[in-house]
Amino acid sequence: MDENIKSTLVDAVIDLVKSQSSDLHPTEKYGGTVFLTDPDKQGSFIGGVFAYTDHVSVEFSKGADFDDPDGFLNGKGKTHRHVTLTTMADIKDKDVDGFLKQALK
């Protein structure tokens, strides 16, 4: 995947997160950008966005609890789930906005 596309996807997700809540604190960590409700509190991680070789992943720390009737969330762990993005349309088509809203509840 082209580096410009990855960068554009990451920036779009970060902008979407910022538009949903001014109480979230984007922080560079784990090779991507994570979103914290309190940067000084352990366990306030709600998710993050990470660029990989062939895709961008939007990850949710409690994604296993989300409603996902269309099966967009990937992963099999006890709590974490992620959405894989390869195009700008995926942000809307895979309901990243709706999953962010669930993460902020």
PDB file of N, CA and C in Angstrom:
ATOM      1  N   MET A   1       0.853  -1.176   0.000  1.00  0.00           N
ATOM      2  CA  MET A   1       0.000   0.000   0.000  1.00  0.00           C
ATOM      3  C   MET A   1       0.897   1.237   0.000  1.00  0.00           C
ATOM      4  N   ASP A   2       0.516   2.210  -0.784  1.00  0.00           N
ATOM      5  CA  ASP A   2       1.235   3.468  -0.910  1.00  0.00           C
ATOM      6  C   ASP A   2       1.300   4.203   0.441  1.00  0.00           C
ATOM      7  N   GLU A   3       2.461   4.757   0.767  1.00  0.00           N
ATOM      8  CA  GLU A   3       2.651   5.460   2.043  1.00  0.00           C
ATOM      9  C   GLU A   3       1.717   6.660   2.178  1.00  0.00           C
ATOM     10  N   ASN A   4       1.439   7.352   1.073  1.00  0.00           N
ATOM     11  CA  ASN A   4       0.530   8.506   1.128  1.00  0.00           C
ATOM     12  C   ASN A   4      -0.888   8.076   1.481  1.00  0.00           C
ATOM     13  N   ILE A   5      -1.319   6.955   0.948  1.00  0.00           N
ATOM     14  CA  ILE A   5      -2.656   6.446   1.276  1.00  0.00           C
ATOM     15  C   ILE A   5      -2.718   6.067   2.748  1.00  0.00           C
ATOM     16  N   LYS A   6      -1.695   5.379   3.238  1.00  0.00           N
ATOM     17  CA  LYS A   6      -1.674   5.004   4.660  1.00  0.00           C
ATOM     18  C   LYS A   6      -1.734   6.241   5.549  1.00  0.00           C
ATOM     19  N   SER A   7      -0.917   7.229   5.222  1.00  0.00           N
ATOM     20  CA  SER A   7      -0.881   8.460   6.010  1.00  0.00           C
ATOM     21  C   SER A   7      -2.224   9.180   5.992  1.00  0.00           C
ATOM     22  N   THR A   8      -2.852   9.223   4.825  1.00  0.00           N
ATOM     23  CA  THR A   8      -4.162   9.858   4.694  1.00  0.00           C
ATOM     24  C   THR A   8      -5.211   9.122   5.513  1.00  0.00           C
ATOM     25  N   LEU A   9      -5.191   7.800   5.487  1.00  0.00           N
ATOM     26  CA  LEU A   9      -6.135   7.002   6.285  1.00  0.00           C
ATOM     27  C   LEU A   9      -5.931   7.248   7.777  1.00  0.00           C
ATOM     28  N   VAL A  10      -4.683   7.204   8.223  1.00  0.00           N
ATOM     29  CA  VAL A  10      -4.383   7.424   9.645  1.00  0.00           C
ATOM     30  C   VAL A  10      -4.865   8.806  10.063  1.00  0.00           C
ATOM     31  N   ASP A  11      -4.550   9.834   9.280  1.00  0.00           N
ATOM     32  CA  ASP A  11      -4.965  11.198   9.612  1.00  0.00           C
ATOM     33  C   ASP A  11      -6.484  11.325   9.646  1.00  0.00           C
ATOM     34  N   ALA A  12      -7.175  10.669   8.726  1.00  0.00           N
ATOM     35  CA  ALA A  12      -8.639  10.730   8.687  1.00  0.00           C
ATOM     36  C   ALA A  12      -9.251  10.091   9.933  1.00  0.00           C
ATOM     37  N   VAL A  13      -8.684   8.977  10.380  1.00  0.00           N
ATOM     38  CA  VAL A  13      -9.189   8.327  11.596  1.00  0.00           C
ATOM     39  C   VAL A  13      -8.934   9.213  12.807  1.00  0.00           C
ATOM     40  N   ILE A  14      -7.747   9.792  12.893  1.00  0.00           N
ATOM     41  CA  ILE A  14      -7.435  10.686  14.019  1.00  0.00           C
ATOM     42  C   ILE A  14      -8.384  11.877  14.030  1.00  0.00           C
ATOM     43  N   ASP A  15      -8.651  12.465  12.871  1.00  0.00           N
ATOM     44  CA  ASP A  15      -9.601  13.583  12.782  1.00  0.00           C
ATOM     45  C   ASP A  15     -10.999  13.156  13.208  1.00  0.00           C
ATOM     46  N   LEU A  16     -11.407  11.956  12.825  1.00  0.00           N
ATOM     47  CA  LEU A  16     -12.722  11.443  13.214  1.00  0.00           C
ATOM     48  C   LEU A  16     -12.807  11.287  14.727  1.00  0.00           C
ATOM     49  N   VAL A  17     -11.766  10.752  15.323  1.00  0.00           N
ATOM     50  CA  VAL A  17     -11.739  10.599  16.786  1.00  0.00           C
ATOM     51  C   VAL A  17     -11.837  11.963  17.463  1.00  0.00           C
ATOM     52  N   LYS A  18     -11.048  12.905  16.997  1.00  0.00           N
ATOM     53  CA  LYS A  18     -11.058  14.250  17.586  1.00  0.00           C
ATOM     54  C   LYS A  18     -12.418  14.917  17.438  1.00  0.00           C
ATOM     55  N   SER A  19     -13.112  14.658  16.330  1.00  0.00           N
ATOM     56  CA  SER A  19     -14.422  15.265  16.116  1.00  0.00           C
ATOM     57  C   SER A  19     -15.483  14.671  17.043  1.00  0.00           C
ATOM     58  N   GLN A  20     -15.255  13.456  17.514  1.00  0.00           N
ATOM     59  CA  GLN A  20     -16.240  12.800  18.384  1.00  0.00           C
ATOM     60  C   GLN A  20     -16.076  13.178  19.840  1.00  0.00           C
ATOM     61  N   SER A  21     -14.853  13.480  20.253  1.00  0.00           N
ATOM     62  CA  SER A  21     -14.646  13.780  21.671  1.00  0.00           C
ATOM     63  C   SER A  21     -13.396  14.614  21.882  1.00  0.00           C
ATOM     64  N   SER A  22     -13.579  15.730  22.550  1.00  0.00           N
ATOM     65  CA  SER A  22     -12.418  16.552  22.910  1.00  0.00           C
ATOM     66  C   SER A  22     -11.749  16.010  24.169  1.00  0.00           C
ATOM     67  N   ASP A  23     -12.367  15.004  24.789  1.00  0.00           N
ATOM     68  CA  ASP A  23     -11.813  14.414  26.007  1.00  0.00           C
ATOM     69  C   ASP A  23     -10.812  13.305  25.726  1.00  0.00           C
ATOM     70  N   LEU A  24     -10.624  12.955  24.456  1.00  0.00           N
ATOM     71  CA  LEU A  24      -9.657  11.918  24.109  1.00  0.00           C
ATOM     72  C   LEU A  24      -8.304  12.544  23.821  1.00  0.00           C
ATOM     73  N   HIS A  25      -7.274  11.830  24.200  1.00  0.00           N
ATOM     74  CA  HIS A  25      -5.914  12.318  24.038  1.00  0.00           C
ATOM     75  C   HIS A  25      -5.138  11.376  23.120  1.00  0.00           C
ATOM     76  N   PRO A  26      -4.933  11.776  21.842  1.00  0.00           N
ATOM     77  CA  PRO A  26      -4.121  10.955  20.954  1.00  0.00           C
ATOM     78  C   PRO A  26      -2.665  10.995  21.408  1.00  0.00           C
ATOM     79  N   THR A  27      -2.039   9.834  21.476  1.00  0.00           N
ATOM     80  CA  THR A  27      -0.659   9.727  21.942  1.00  0.00           C
ATOM     81  C   THR A  27       0.080   8.730  21.073  1.00  0.00           C
ATOM     82  N   GLU A  28       1.281   9.076  20.672  1.00  0.00           N
ATOM     83  CA  GLU A  28       2.109   8.161  19.889  1.00  0.00           C
ATOM     84  C   GLU A  28       2.616   7.056  20.810  1.00  0.00           C
ATOM     85  N   LYS A  29       2.286   5.814  20.455  1.00  0.00           N
ATOM     86  CA  LYS A  29       2.689   4.677  21.282  1.00  0.00           C
ATOM     87  C   LYS A  29       2.513   3.391  20.491  1.00  0.00           C
ATOM     88  N   TYR A  30       3.334   2.414  20.760  1.00  0.00           N
ATOM     89  CA  TYR A  30       3.230   1.087  20.136  1.00  0.00           C
ATOM     90  C   TYR A  30       3.345   1.139  18.616  1.00  0.00           C
ATOM     91  N   GLY A  31       4.005   2.157  18.085  1.00  0.00           N
ATOM     92  CA  GLY A  31       4.174   2.268  16.648  1.00  0.00           C
ATOM     93  C   GLY A  31       2.993   2.878  15.921  1.00  0.00           C
ATOM     94  N   GLY A  32       2.075   3.464  16.650  1.00  0.00           N
ATOM     95  CA  GLY A  32       0.907   4.099  16.052  1.00  0.00           C
ATOM     96  C   GLY A  32       0.414   5.222  16.936  1.00  0.00           C
ATOM     97  N   THR A  33      -0.843   5.552  16.796  1.00  0.00           N
ATOM     98  CA  THR A  33      -1.473   6.569  17.635  1.00  0.00           C
ATOM     99  C   THR A  33      -2.559   5.894  18.444  1.00  0.00           C
ATOM    100  N   VAL A  34      -2.456   5.990  19.766  1.00  0.00           N
ATOM    101  CA  VAL A  34      -3.471   5.423  20.649  1.00  0.00           C
ATOM    102  C   VAL A  34      -4.326   6.558  21.196  1.00  0.00           C
ATOM    103  N   PHE A  35      -5.525   6.205  21.629  1.00  0.00           N
ATOM    104  CA  PHE A  35      -6.468   7.185  22.146  1.00  0.00           C
ATOM    105  C   PHE A  35      -6.749   6.855  23.603  1.00  0.00           C
ATOM    106  N   LEU A  36      -6.480   7.847  24.462  1.00  0.00           N
ATOM    107  CA  LEU A  36      -6.626   7.680  25.902  1.00  0.00           C
ATOM    108  C   LEU A  36      -7.672   8.647  26.424  1.00  0.00           C
ATOM    109  N   THR A  37      -8.450   8.212  27.404  1.00  0.00           N
ATOM    110  CA  THR A  37      -9.390   9.120  28.040  1.00  0.00           C
ATOM    111  C   THR A  37      -8.676   9.970  29.084  1.00  0.00           C
ATOM    112  N   ASP A  38      -7.587   9.468  29.644  1.00  0.00           N
ATOM    113  CA  ASP A  38      -6.785  10.206  30.622  1.00  0.00           C
ATOM    114  C   ASP A  38      -5.327   9.800  30.430  1.00  0.00           C
ATOM    115  N   PRO A  39      -4.497  10.698  29.905  1.00  0.00           N
ATOM    116  CA  PRO A  39      -3.113  10.324  29.608  1.00  0.00           C
ATOM    117  C   PRO A  39      -2.291   9.947  30.839  1.00  0.00           C
ATOM    118  N   ASP A  40      -2.771  10.319  32.013  1.00  0.00           N
ATOM    119  CA  ASP A  40      -2.042  10.013  33.248  1.00  0.00           C
ATOM    120  C   ASP A  40      -2.569   8.790  33.975  1.00  0.00           C
ATOM    121  N   LYS A  41      -3.584   8.148  33.419  1.00  0.00           N
ATOM    122  CA  LYS A  41      -4.226   7.025  34.111  1.00  0.00           C
ATOM    123  C   LYS A  41      -4.011   5.721  33.348  1.00  0.00           C
ATOM    124  N   GLN A  42      -3.431   4.761  34.033  1.00  0.00           N
ATOM    125  CA  GLN A  42      -3.256   3.426  33.458  1.00  0.00           C
ATOM    126  C   GLN A  42      -4.637   2.835  33.160  1.00  0.00           C
ATOM    127  N   GLY A  43      -4.791   2.227  32.010  1.00  0.00           N
ATOM    128  CA  GLY A  43      -6.061   1.578  31.679  1.00  0.00           C
ATOM    129  C   GLY A  43      -7.072   2.479  31.005  1.00  0.00           C
ATOM    130  N   SER A  44      -6.673   3.691  30.603  1.00  0.00           N
ATOM    131  CA  SER A  44      -7.634   4.578  29.941  1.00  0.00           C
ATOM    132  C   SER A  44      -7.571   4.474  28.418  1.00  0.00           C
ATOM    133  N   PHE A  45      -6.866   3.459  27.921  1.00  0.00           N
ATOM    134  CA  PHE A  45      -6.710   3.207  26.487  1.00  0.00           C
ATOM    135  C   PHE A  45      -8.019   2.677  25.914  1.00  0.00           C
ATOM    136  N   ILE A  46      -8.566   3.380  24.902  1.00  0.00           N
ATOM    137  CA  ILE A  46      -9.799   2.871  24.279  1.00  0.00           C
ATOM    138  C   ILE A  46      -9.544   2.272  22.908  1.00  0.00           C
ATOM    139  N   GLY A  47      -8.399   2.622  22.304  1.00  0.00           N
ATOM    140  CA  GLY A  47      -8.092   2.082  20.988  1.00  0.00           C
ATOM    141  C   GLY A  47      -6.959   2.839  20.336  1.00  0.00           C
ATOM    142  N   GLY A  48      -6.794   2.584  19.037  1.00  0.00           N
ATOM    143  CA  GLY A  48      -5.727   3.265  18.321  1.00  0.00           C
ATOM    144  C   GLY A  48      -5.792   2.992  16.841  1.00  0.00           C
ATOM    145  N   VAL A  49      -4.900   3.656  16.124  1.00  0.00           N
ATOM    146  CA  VAL A  49      -4.804   3.467  14.676  1.00  0.00           C
ATOM    147  C   VAL A  49      -3.342   3.192  14.343  1.00  0.00           C
ATOM    148  N   PHE A  50      -3.141   2.163  13.520  1.00  0.00           N
ATOM    149  CA  PHE A  50      -1.800   1.678  13.216  1.00  0.00           C
ATOM    150  C   PHE A  50      -1.681   1.389  11.726  1.00  0.00           C
ATOM    151  N   ALA A  51      -0.571   1.833  11.123  1.00  0.00           N
ATOM    152  CA  ALA A  51      -0.307   1.587   9.706  1.00  0.00           C
ATOM    153  C   ALA A  51       0.603   0.381   9.567  1.00  0.00           C
ATOM    154  N   TYR A  52       0.193  -0.566   8.747  1.00  0.00           N
ATOM    155  CA  TYR A  52       0.972  -1.762   8.455  1.00  0.00           C
ATOM    156  C   TYR A  52       1.356  -1.746   6.976  1.00  0.00           C
ATOM    157  N   THR A  53       2.033  -2.757   6.512  1.00  0.00           N
ATOM    158  CA  THR A  53       2.503  -2.800   5.131  1.00  0.00           C
ATOM    159  C   THR A  53       1.368  -2.694   4.119  1.00  0.00           C
ATOM    160  N   ASP A  54       0.303  -3.454   4.312  1.00  0.00           N
ATOM    161  CA  ASP A  54      -0.766  -3.527   3.323  1.00  0.00           C
ATOM    162  C   ASP A  54      -2.100  -2.934   3.758  1.00  0.00           C
ATOM    163  N   HIS A  55      -2.164  -2.369   4.970  1.00  0.00           N
ATOM    164  CA  HIS A  55      -3.438  -1.830   5.447  1.00  0.00           C
ATOM    165  C   HIS A  55      -3.221  -0.922   6.656  1.00  0.00           C
ATOM    166  N   VAL A  56      -4.293  -0.290   7.060  1.00  0.00           N
ATOM    167  CA  VAL A  56      -4.340   0.482   8.307  1.00  0.00           C
ATOM    168  C   VAL A  56      -5.356  -0.207   9.197  1.00  0.00           C
ATOM    169  N   SER A  57      -5.021  -0.336  10.473  1.00  0.00           N
ATOM    170  CA  SER A  57      -5.890  -1.009  11.426  1.00  0.00           C
ATOM    171  C   SER A  57      -6.385  -0.007  12.474  1.00  0.00           C
ATOM    172  N   VAL A  58      -7.697  -0.001  12.681  1.00  0.00           N
ATOM    173  CA  VAL A  58      -8.289   0.791  13.754  1.00  0.00           C
ATOM    174  C   VAL A  58      -8.666  -0.215  14.833  1.00  0.00           C
ATOM    175  N   GLU A  59      -8.021  -0.099  15.977  1.00  0.00           N
ATOM    176  CA  GLU A  59      -8.154  -1.110  17.016  1.00  0.00           C
ATOM    177  C   GLU A  59      -8.937  -0.570  18.209  1.00  0.00           C
ATOM    178  N   PHE A  60      -9.700  -1.457  18.832  1.00  0.00           N
ATOM    179  CA  PHE A  60     -10.558  -1.095  19.953  1.00  0.00           C
ATOM    180  C   PHE A  60     -10.281  -2.036  21.122  1.00  0.00           C
ATOM    181  N   SER A  61      -9.970  -1.457  22.271  1.00  0.00           N
ATOM    182  CA  SER A  61      -9.577  -2.285  23.417  1.00  0.00           C
ATOM    183  C   SER A  61     -10.730  -3.127  23.958  1.00  0.00           C
ATOM    184  N   LYS A  62     -11.967  -2.699  23.772  1.00  0.00           N
ATOM    185  CA  LYS A  62     -13.121  -3.486  24.242  1.00  0.00           C
ATOM    186  C   LYS A  62     -14.049  -3.835  23.088  1.00  0.00           C
ATOM    187  N   GLY A  63     -13.467  -3.987  21.917  1.00  0.00           N
ATOM    188  CA  GLY A  63     -14.240  -4.247  20.709  1.00  0.00           C
ATOM    189  C   GLY A  63     -15.043  -5.532  20.731  1.00  0.00           C
ATOM    190  N   ALA A  64     -14.642  -6.495  21.548  1.00  0.00           N
ATOM    191  CA  ALA A  64     -15.384  -7.755  21.629  1.00  0.00           C
ATOM    192  C   ALA A  64     -16.794  -7.533  22.174  1.00  0.00           C
ATOM    193  N   ASP A  65     -17.003  -6.407  22.866  1.00  0.00           N
ATOM    194  CA  ASP A  65     -18.315  -6.104  23.439  1.00  0.00           C
ATOM    195  C   ASP A  65     -19.203  -5.293  22.498  1.00  0.00           C
ATOM    196  N   PHE A  66     -18.683  -4.895  21.350  1.00  0.00           N
ATOM    197  CA  PHE A  66     -19.423  -4.023  20.437  1.00  0.00           C
ATOM    198  C   PHE A  66     -20.487  -4.795  19.657  1.00  0.00           C
ATOM    199  N   ASP A  67     -21.537  -4.065  19.297  1.00  0.00           N
ATOM    200  CA  ASP A  67     -22.502  -4.592  18.334  1.00  0.00           C
ATOM    201  C   ASP A  67     -21.836  -4.498  16.967  1.00  0.00           C
ATOM    202  N   ASP A  68     -21.857  -5.590  16.218  1.00  0.00           N
ATOM    203  CA  ASP A  68     -21.219  -5.648  14.909  1.00  0.00           C
ATOM    204  C   ASP A  68     -22.051  -6.535  13.976  1.00  0.00           C
ATOM    205  N   PRO A  69     -23.270  -6.088  13.644  1.00  0.00           N
ATOM    206  CA  PRO A  69     -24.155  -6.951  12.859  1.00  0.00           C
ATOM    207  C   PRO A  69     -23.636  -7.280  11.459  1.00  0.00           C
ATOM    208  N   ASP A  70     -22.759  -6.429  10.911  1.00  0.00           N
ATOM    209  CA  ASP A  70     -22.244  -6.667   9.561  1.00  0.00           C
ATOM    210  C   ASP A  70     -20.898  -7.387   9.546  1.00  0.00           C
ATOM    211  N   GLY A  71     -20.363  -7.706  10.716  1.00  0.00           N
ATOM    212  CA  GLY A  71     -19.131  -8.483  10.798  1.00  0.00           C
ATOM    213  C   GLY A  71     -17.876  -7.760  10.325  1.00  0.00           C
ATOM    214  N   PHE A  72     -17.795  -6.453  10.566  1.00  0.00           N
ATOM    215  CA  PHE A  72     -16.624  -5.691  10.140  1.00  0.00           C
ATOM    216  C   PHE A  72     -15.437  -5.842  11.086  1.00  0.00           C
ATOM    217  N   LEU A  73     -15.706  -6.182  12.330  1.00  0.00           N
ATOM    218  CA  LEU A  73     -14.622  -6.304  13.307  1.00  0.00           C
ATOM    219  C   LEU A  73     -13.894  -7.631  13.146  1.00  0.00           C
ATOM    220  N   ASN A  74     -12.577  -7.561  13.201  1.00  0.00           N
ATOM    221  CA  ASN A  74     -11.730  -8.752  13.116  1.00  0.00           C
ATOM    222  C   ASN A  74     -11.063  -8.986  14.458  1.00  0.00           C
ATOM    223  N   GLY A  75     -10.654 -10.230  14.689  1.00  0.00           N
ATOM    224  CA  GLY A  75      -9.934 -10.578  15.911  1.00  0.00           C
ATOM    225  C   GLY A  75     -10.689 -11.623  16.698  1.00  0.00           C
ATOM    226  N   LYS A  76      -9.939 -12.351  17.508  1.00  0.00           N
ATOM    227  CA  LYS A  76     -10.539 -13.435  18.288  1.00  0.00           C
ATOM    228  C   LYS A  76     -10.130 -13.407  19.751  1.00  0.00           C
ATOM    229  N   GLY A  77      -9.424 -12.359  20.169  1.00  0.00           N
ATOM    230  CA  GLY A  77      -8.992 -12.257  21.558  1.00  0.00           C
ATOM    231  C   GLY A  77     -10.161 -12.042  22.496  1.00  0.00           C
ATOM    232  N   LYS A  78      -9.890 -12.037  23.779  1.00  0.00           N
ATOM    233  CA  LYS A  78     -10.946 -11.867  24.780  1.00  0.00           C
ATOM    234  C   LYS A  78     -11.601 -10.490  24.715  1.00  0.00           C
ATOM    235  N   THR A  79     -10.817  -9.451  24.389  1.00  0.00           N
ATOM    236  CA  THR A  79     -11.378  -8.099  24.435  1.00  0.00           C
ATOM    237  C   THR A  79     -11.157  -7.277  23.173  1.00  0.00           C
ATOM    238  N   HIS A  80     -10.003  -7.330  22.576  1.00  0.00           N
ATOM    239  CA  HIS A  80      -9.655  -6.468  21.444  1.00  0.00           C
ATOM    240  C   HIS A  80     -10.284  -6.930  20.128  1.00  0.00           C
ATOM    241  N   ARG A  81     -10.638  -5.928  19.301  1.00  0.00           N
ATOM    242  CA  ARG A  81     -11.070  -6.157  17.935  1.00  0.00           C
ATOM    243  C   ARG A  81     -10.530  -5.012  17.093  1.00  0.00           C
ATOM    244  N   HIS A  82     -10.477  -5.216  15.787  1.00  0.00           N
ATOM    245  CA  HIS A  82      -9.984  -4.174  14.892  1.00  0.00           C
ATOM    246  C   HIS A  82     -10.723  -4.202  13.563  1.00  0.00           C
ATOM    247  N   VAL A  83     -10.678  -3.055  12.888  1.00  0.00           N
ATOM    248  CA  VAL A  83     -11.218  -2.900  11.543  1.00  0.00           C
ATOM    249  C   VAL A  83     -10.041  -2.648  10.617  1.00  0.00           C
ATOM    250  N   THR A  84     -10.002  -3.355   9.497  1.00  0.00           N
ATOM    251  CA  THR A  84      -8.933  -3.201   8.520  1.00  0.00           C
ATOM    252  C   THR A  84      -9.377  -2.240   7.417  1.00  0.00           C
ATOM    253  N   LEU A  85      -8.553  -1.229   7.155  1.00  0.00           N
ATOM    254  CA  LEU A  85      -8.853  -0.231   6.132  1.00  0.00           C
ATOM    255  C   LEU A  85      -7.811  -0.291   5.019  1.00  0.00           C
ATOM    256  N   THR A  86      -8.275  -0.231   3.777  1.00  0.00           N
ATOM    257  CA  THR A  86      -7.358  -0.145   2.644  1.00  0.00           C
ATOM    258  C   THR A  86      -7.690   1.030   1.728  1.00  0.00           C
ATOM    259  N   THR A  87      -8.882   1.607   1.901  1.00  0.00           N
ATOM    260  CA  THR A  87      -9.298   2.760   1.105  1.00  0.00           C
ATOM    261  C   THR A  87     -10.002   3.765   2.010  1.00  0.00           C
ATOM    262  N   MET A  88     -10.103   5.003   1.548  1.00  0.00           N
ATOM    263  CA  MET A  88     -10.828   6.013   2.323  1.00  0.00           C
ATOM    264  C   MET A  88     -12.295   5.623   2.483  1.00  0.00           C
ATOM    265  N   ALA A  89     -12.863   4.993   1.490  1.00  0.00           N
ATOM    266  CA  ALA A  89     -14.269   4.580   1.567  1.00  0.00           C
ATOM    267  C   ALA A  89     -14.499   3.596   2.706  1.00  0.00           C
ATOM    268  N   ASP A  90     -13.468   2.812   3.062  1.00  0.00           N
ATOM    269  CA  ASP A  90     -13.609   1.837   4.141  1.00  0.00           C
ATOM    270  C   ASP A  90     -13.977   2.494   5.468  1.00  0.00           C
ATOM    271  N   ILE A  91     -13.549   3.724   5.687  1.00  0.00           N
ATOM    272  CA  ILE A  91     -13.851   4.404   6.948  1.00  0.00           C
ATOM    273  C   ILE A  91     -15.356   4.491   7.135  1.00  0.00           C
ATOM    274  N   LYS A  92     -16.056   4.876   6.087  1.00  0.00           N
ATOM    275  CA  LYS A  92     -17.523   4.953   6.157  1.00  0.00           C
ATOM    276  C   LYS A  92     -18.152   3.581   5.987  1.00  0.00           C
ATOM    277  N   ASP A  93     -17.702   2.854   4.975  1.00  0.00           N
ATOM    278  CA  ASP A  93     -18.318   1.574   4.642  1.00  0.00           C
ATOM    279  C   ASP A  93     -18.220   0.540   5.769  1.00  0.00           C
ATOM    280  N   LYS A  94     -17.175   0.623   6.575  1.00  0.00           N
ATOM    281  CA  LYS A  94     -16.984  -0.327   7.671  1.00  0.00           C
ATOM    282  C   LYS A  94     -17.362   0.264   9.029  1.00  0.00           C
ATOM    283  N   ASP A  95     -18.090   1.387   9.001  1.00  0.00           N
ATOM    284  CA  ASP A  95     -18.700   2.005  10.178  1.00  0.00           C
ATOM    285  C   ASP A  95     -17.705   2.320  11.299  1.00  0.00           C
ATOM    286  N   VAL A  96     -16.548   2.857  10.939  1.00  0.00           N
ATOM    287  CA  VAL A  96     -15.565   3.239  11.957  1.00  0.00           C
ATOM    288  C   VAL A  96     -16.172   4.249  12.924  1.00  0.00           C
ATOM    289  N   ASP A  97     -16.964   5.181  12.406  1.00  0.00           N
ATOM    290  CA  ASP A  97     -17.628   6.185  13.245  1.00  0.00           C
ATOM    291  C   ASP A  97     -18.503   5.513  14.309  1.00  0.00           C
ATOM    292  N   GLY A  98     -19.288   4.545  13.907  1.00  0.00           N
ATOM    293  CA  GLY A  98     -20.165   3.832  14.860  1.00  0.00           C
ATOM    294  C   GLY A  98     -19.378   3.065  15.908  1.00  0.00           C
ATOM    295  N   PHE A  99     -18.271   2.463  15.503  1.00  0.00           N
ATOM    296  CA  PHE A  99     -17.454   1.731  16.481  1.00  0.00           C
ATOM    297  C   PHE A  99     -16.783   2.688  17.454  1.00  0.00           C
ATOM    298  N   LEU A 100     -16.368   3.860  16.980  1.00  0.00           N
ATOM    299  CA  LEU A 100     -15.794   4.861  17.881  1.00  0.00           C
ATOM    300  C   LEU A 100     -16.832   5.325  18.899  1.00  0.00           C
ATOM    301  N   LYS A 101     -18.047   5.503  18.435  1.00  0.00           N
ATOM    302  CA  LYS A 101     -19.112   5.903  19.366  1.00  0.00           C
ATOM    303  C   LYS A 101     -19.319   4.837  20.433  1.00  0.00           C
ATOM    304  N   GLN A 102     -19.279   3.570  20.040  1.00  0.00           N
ATOM    305  CA  GLN A 102     -19.414   2.492  21.037  1.00  0.00           C
ATOM    306  C   GLN A 102     -18.229   2.498  22.004  1.00  0.00           C
ATOM    307  N   ALA A 103     -17.056   2.788  21.497  1.00  0.00           N
ATOM    308  CA  ALA A 103     -15.859   2.806  22.344  1.00  0.00           C
ATOM    309  C   ALA A 103     -15.935   3.916  23.382  1.00  0.00           C
ATOM    310  N   LEU A 104     -16.608   5.002  23.045  1.00  0.00           N
ATOM    311  CA  LEU A 104     -16.702   6.152  23.949  1.00  0.00           C
ATOM    312  C   LEU A 104     -17.825   6.057  24.969  1.00  0.00           C
ATOM    313  N   LYS A 105     -18.654   5.048  24.859  1.00  0.00           N
ATOM    314  CA  LYS A 105     -19.766   4.886  25.824  1.00  0.00           C
ATOM    315  C   LYS A 105     -19.243   4.538  27.193  1.00  0.00           C
TER     316      LYS A 105
END
